[in-house]
């Protein structure tokens, strides 16, 4: 079944949905009930790797709880793709 999932295309989700899903999972972990916000950061992969990662957990839990929460969230960037429309346009000087 694991091989079947790798062959499937990643599901594309919005930034709001991904942050809400991360928060839901973070709150379910042992010691994570106090977490109020999880933010994500967009990445620019050269290949087919994940295009986002968990950036911040607010309020920052203790180190052991943070490790457990981040481990629980680790599979999400491989399962979901951040929607392209959620990417701000590159701030470049116009090319003439």
N, C-alpha and C. Protein backbone atom coordinates (compact mmCIF):
# COMPACT_ATOMS: atom_id res chain seq x y z
N UNK A 1 0.82 -1.19 0.00
CA UNK A 1 0.00 0.00 0.00
C UNK A 1 0.87 1.26 0.00
N UNK A 2 2.01 1.19 0.66
CA UNK A 2 2.90 2.34 0.70
C UNK A 2 3.39 2.68 -0.71
N UNK A 3 3.70 1.67 -1.50
CA UNK A 3 4.16 1.91 -2.86
C UNK A 3 3.04 2.53 -3.69
N UNK A 4 1.82 2.12 -3.45
CA UNK A 4 0.68 2.66 -4.18
C UNK A 4 0.54 4.16 -3.92
N UNK A 5 0.73 4.58 -2.67
CA UNK A 5 0.61 6.00 -2.32
C UNK A 5 1.69 6.82 -2.99
N UNK A 6 2.91 6.28 -3.07
CA UNK A 6 4.01 7.01 -3.72
C UNK A 6 3.72 7.23 -5.20
N UNK A 7 3.02 6.30 -5.82
CA UNK A 7 2.72 6.42 -7.24
C UNK A 7 1.61 7.43 -7.50
N UNK A 8 0.76 7.65 -6.50
CA UNK A 8 -0.31 8.60 -6.67
C UNK A 8 0.24 10.02 -6.60
N UNK A 9 -0.46 10.94 -7.27
CA UNK A 9 -0.04 12.33 -7.24
C UNK A 9 -0.43 12.94 -5.89
N UNK A 10 0.41 13.85 -5.39
CA UNK A 10 0.11 14.52 -4.12
C UNK A 10 -1.17 15.34 -4.27
N UNK A 11 -1.95 15.38 -3.20
CA UNK A 11 -3.16 16.19 -3.20
C UNK A 11 -2.77 17.64 -2.94
N UNK A 12 -3.30 18.56 -3.72
CA UNK A 12 -2.99 19.97 -3.59
C UNK A 12 -3.97 20.64 -2.66
N UNK A 13 -3.46 21.38 -1.68
CA UNK A 13 -4.29 22.04 -0.67
C UNK A 13 -3.84 23.48 -0.49
N UNK A 14 -4.73 24.31 0.06
CA UNK A 14 -4.41 25.72 0.31
C UNK A 14 -3.58 25.86 1.58
N UNK A 15 -2.96 27.01 1.74
CA UNK A 15 -2.17 27.30 2.94
C UNK A 15 -3.06 27.22 4.18
N UNK A 16 -4.26 27.77 4.12
CA UNK A 16 -5.17 27.76 5.28
C UNK A 16 -5.53 26.32 5.67
N UNK A 17 -5.80 25.49 4.67
CA UNK A 17 -6.17 24.10 4.96
C UNK A 17 -4.99 23.35 5.58
N UNK A 18 -3.80 23.54 5.03
CA UNK A 18 -2.62 22.86 5.55
C UNK A 18 -2.31 23.30 6.99
N UNK A 19 -2.41 24.59 7.26
CA UNK A 19 -2.15 25.07 8.62
C UNK A 19 -3.20 24.56 9.60
N UNK A 20 -4.46 24.48 9.17
CA UNK A 20 -5.52 23.95 10.02
C UNK A 20 -5.30 22.46 10.30
N UNK A 21 -4.90 21.72 9.29
CA UNK A 21 -4.65 20.28 9.46
C UNK A 21 -3.45 20.06 10.39
N UNK A 22 -2.41 20.86 10.24
CA UNK A 22 -1.25 20.76 11.13
C UNK A 22 -1.66 21.07 12.56
N UNK A 23 -2.47 22.09 12.75
CA UNK A 23 -2.92 22.46 14.09
C UNK A 23 -3.74 21.33 14.71
N UNK A 24 -4.63 20.74 13.92
CA UNK A 24 -5.46 19.65 14.42
C UNK A 24 -4.61 18.47 14.88
N UNK A 25 -3.63 18.11 14.10
CA UNK A 25 -2.75 16.99 14.46
C UNK A 25 -1.87 17.36 15.65
N UNK A 26 -1.36 18.58 15.67
CA UNK A 26 -0.50 19.02 16.77
C UNK A 26 -1.25 18.99 18.10
N UNK A 27 -2.50 19.41 18.09
CA UNK A 27 -3.29 19.42 19.32
C UNK A 27 -3.62 18.02 19.82
N UNK A 28 -3.64 17.04 18.93
CA UNK A 28 -3.93 15.66 19.31
C UNK A 28 -2.75 14.97 19.97
N UNK A 29 -1.55 15.49 19.78
CA UNK A 29 -0.37 14.83 20.34
C UNK A 29 -0.29 15.08 21.84
N UNK A 30 0.40 14.21 22.52
CA UNK A 30 0.56 14.32 23.96
C UNK A 30 1.29 15.61 24.32
N UNK A 31 0.66 16.47 25.09
CA UNK A 31 1.24 17.75 25.48
C UNK A 31 0.99 18.87 24.50
N UNK A 32 0.32 18.61 23.41
CA UNK A 32 0.11 19.63 22.39
C UNK A 32 -1.21 20.37 22.48
N UNK A 33 -1.98 20.14 23.51
CA UNK A 33 -3.31 20.76 23.61
C UNK A 33 -3.25 22.28 23.76
N UNK A 34 -2.12 22.81 24.20
CA UNK A 34 -1.97 24.26 24.40
C UNK A 34 -1.59 25.00 23.11
N UNK A 35 -1.27 24.27 22.06
CA UNK A 35 -0.83 24.90 20.81
C UNK A 35 -2.00 25.66 20.19
N UNK A 36 -1.74 26.90 19.79
CA UNK A 36 -2.78 27.77 19.23
C UNK A 36 -2.64 27.99 17.74
N UNK A 37 -1.43 27.86 17.20
CA UNK A 37 -1.20 28.18 15.80
C UNK A 37 -0.01 27.39 15.27
N UNK A 38 -0.14 26.89 14.06
CA UNK A 38 0.97 26.26 13.35
C UNK A 38 1.06 26.97 12.01
N UNK A 39 2.25 27.49 11.69
CA UNK A 39 2.44 28.16 10.41
C UNK A 39 3.33 27.30 9.52
N UNK A 40 3.17 27.49 8.22
CA UNK A 40 3.99 26.73 7.26
C UNK A 40 4.82 27.70 6.43
N UNK A 41 5.88 27.17 5.85
CA UNK A 41 6.77 27.97 5.01
C UNK A 41 6.87 27.30 3.64
N UNK A 42 6.77 28.11 2.61
CA UNK A 42 6.88 27.62 1.24
C UNK A 42 8.34 27.32 0.92
N UNK A 43 8.58 26.23 0.22
CA UNK A 43 9.92 25.85 -0.23
C UNK A 43 9.95 25.90 -1.75
N UNK A 44 11.14 25.94 -2.30
CA UNK A 44 11.32 25.94 -3.76
C UNK A 44 12.15 24.71 -4.15
N UNK A 45 11.52 23.54 -4.22
CA UNK A 45 12.30 22.33 -4.54
C UNK A 45 12.72 22.32 -6.00
N UNK A 46 13.89 21.79 -6.25
CA UNK A 46 14.37 21.68 -7.63
C UNK A 46 13.76 20.46 -8.32
N UNK A 47 13.46 19.44 -7.53
CA UNK A 47 12.88 18.22 -8.08
C UNK A 47 11.43 18.07 -7.66
N UNK A 48 11.08 16.86 -7.31
CA UNK A 48 9.71 16.55 -6.96
C UNK A 48 9.50 16.50 -5.45
N UNK A 49 10.37 17.12 -4.68
CA UNK A 49 10.26 17.09 -3.23
C UNK A 49 9.12 17.95 -2.71
N UNK A 50 8.94 17.97 -1.39
CA UNK A 50 7.88 18.78 -0.80
C UNK A 50 8.10 20.27 -1.07
N UNK A 51 7.00 21.01 -1.26
CA UNK A 51 7.13 22.44 -1.53
C UNK A 51 6.74 23.30 -0.32
N UNK A 52 6.62 22.66 0.86
CA UNK A 52 6.35 23.41 2.09
C UNK A 52 6.83 22.61 3.28
N UNK A 53 6.97 23.31 4.42
CA UNK A 53 7.33 22.65 5.66
C UNK A 53 6.73 23.42 6.83
N UNK A 54 6.66 22.79 7.99
CA UNK A 54 6.17 23.46 9.19
C UNK A 54 7.22 24.46 9.62
N UNK A 55 6.81 25.72 9.79
CA UNK A 55 7.75 26.77 10.15
C UNK A 55 7.74 27.04 11.65
N UNK A 56 6.57 27.33 12.21
CA UNK A 56 6.48 27.71 13.62
C UNK A 56 5.31 27.02 14.29
N UNK A 57 5.50 26.75 15.57
CA UNK A 57 4.44 26.25 16.43
C UNK A 57 4.31 27.28 17.54
N UNK A 58 3.10 27.83 17.69
CA UNK A 58 2.89 28.93 18.64
C UNK A 58 1.81 28.55 19.64
N UNK A 59 2.02 28.71 20.95
CA UNK A 59 3.27 29.03 21.60
C UNK A 59 4.25 27.87 21.51
N UNK A 60 5.53 28.19 21.52
CA UNK A 60 6.55 27.15 21.38
C UNK A 60 6.47 26.20 22.57
N UNK A 61 6.21 24.91 22.32
CA UNK A 61 6.16 23.95 23.43
C UNK A 61 7.57 23.62 23.92
N UNK A 62 7.64 22.89 25.02
CA UNK A 62 8.93 22.46 25.54
C UNK A 62 9.61 21.57 24.50
N UNK A 63 10.91 21.39 24.63
CA UNK A 63 11.67 20.62 23.64
C UNK A 63 11.14 19.20 23.44
N UNK A 64 10.83 18.44 24.49
CA UNK A 64 10.33 17.08 24.26
C UNK A 64 8.97 17.07 23.55
N UNK A 65 8.09 18.01 23.91
CA UNK A 65 6.77 18.08 23.27
C UNK A 65 6.93 18.53 21.82
N UNK A 66 7.80 19.50 21.58
CA UNK A 66 8.04 19.97 20.22
C UNK A 66 8.54 18.85 19.32
N UNK A 67 9.41 18.01 19.86
CA UNK A 67 9.93 16.88 19.09
C UNK A 67 8.81 15.90 18.72
N UNK A 68 7.93 15.64 19.66
CA UNK A 68 6.80 14.72 19.41
C UNK A 68 5.84 15.33 18.39
N UNK A 69 5.54 16.62 18.52
CA UNK A 69 4.62 17.30 17.61
C UNK A 69 5.20 17.32 16.20
N UNK A 70 6.47 17.70 16.07
CA UNK A 70 7.09 17.75 14.74
C UNK A 70 7.18 16.37 14.09
N UNK A 71 7.38 15.34 14.92
CA UNK A 71 7.39 13.97 14.38
C UNK A 71 5.99 13.59 13.87
N UNK A 72 4.96 14.03 14.57
CA UNK A 72 3.58 13.74 14.14
C UNK A 72 3.24 14.48 12.85
N UNK A 73 3.86 15.63 12.63
CA UNK A 73 3.58 16.44 11.44
C UNK A 73 4.49 16.11 10.26
N UNK A 74 5.50 15.31 10.48
CA UNK A 74 6.54 15.07 9.48
C UNK A 74 6.03 14.47 8.18
N UNK A 75 4.96 13.70 8.22
CA UNK A 75 4.47 13.03 7.01
C UNK A 75 3.65 13.95 6.11
N UNK A 76 3.16 15.06 6.63
CA UNK A 76 2.26 15.92 5.86
C UNK A 76 2.88 16.55 4.61
N UNK A 77 4.11 17.09 4.66
CA UNK A 77 4.67 17.66 3.42
C UNK A 77 4.83 16.63 2.30
N UNK A 78 4.98 15.37 2.65
CA UNK A 78 5.07 14.33 1.62
C UNK A 78 3.70 13.93 1.09
N UNK A 79 2.65 14.20 1.85
CA UNK A 79 1.30 13.79 1.46
C UNK A 79 0.54 14.88 0.70
N UNK A 80 0.85 16.15 0.99
CA UNK A 80 0.10 17.26 0.40
C UNK A 80 1.04 18.26 -0.25
N UNK A 81 0.53 18.92 -1.27
CA UNK A 81 1.27 19.91 -2.05
C UNK A 81 0.61 21.27 -1.81
N UNK A 82 1.40 22.31 -1.56
CA UNK A 82 0.85 23.66 -1.38
C UNK A 82 0.40 24.19 -2.72
N UNK A 83 -0.81 24.71 -2.76
CA UNK A 83 -1.40 25.22 -3.99
C UNK A 83 -0.54 26.31 -4.62
N UNK A 84 -0.39 26.27 -5.90
CA UNK A 84 0.44 27.25 -6.62
C UNK A 84 -0.07 28.68 -6.42
N UNK A 85 -1.38 28.87 -6.37
CA UNK A 85 -1.94 30.22 -6.23
C UNK A 85 -1.62 30.82 -4.86
N UNK A 86 -1.18 29.98 -3.91
CA UNK A 86 -0.80 30.47 -2.60
C UNK A 86 0.62 31.03 -2.59
N UNK A 87 1.34 30.88 -3.68
CA UNK A 87 2.72 31.36 -3.76
C UNK A 87 2.69 32.81 -4.19
N UNK A 88 3.26 33.71 -3.39
CA UNK A 88 3.33 35.11 -3.84
C UNK A 88 4.25 35.22 -5.05
N UNK A 89 3.93 36.15 -5.92
CA UNK A 89 4.75 36.35 -7.12
C UNK A 89 6.15 36.79 -6.71
N UNK A 90 7.12 36.34 -7.46
CA UNK A 90 8.51 36.70 -7.18
C UNK A 90 8.68 38.20 -7.37
N UNK A 91 9.39 38.81 -6.45
CA UNK A 91 9.63 40.25 -6.54
C UNK A 91 10.93 40.47 -7.32
N UNK A 92 10.77 40.60 -8.59
CA UNK A 92 11.93 40.80 -9.46
C UNK A 92 11.76 42.09 -10.22
N UNK A 93 12.86 42.66 -10.58
CA UNK A 93 12.82 43.84 -11.43
C UNK A 93 12.34 43.41 -12.81
N UNK A 94 11.56 44.23 -13.46
CA UNK A 94 11.10 43.84 -14.82
C UNK A 94 12.27 43.70 -15.77
N UNK A 95 12.17 42.73 -16.64
CA UNK A 95 13.21 42.45 -17.62
C UNK A 95 12.86 43.17 -18.91
N UNK A 96 13.73 44.05 -19.34
CA UNK A 96 13.49 44.81 -20.58
C UNK A 96 14.43 44.39 -21.64
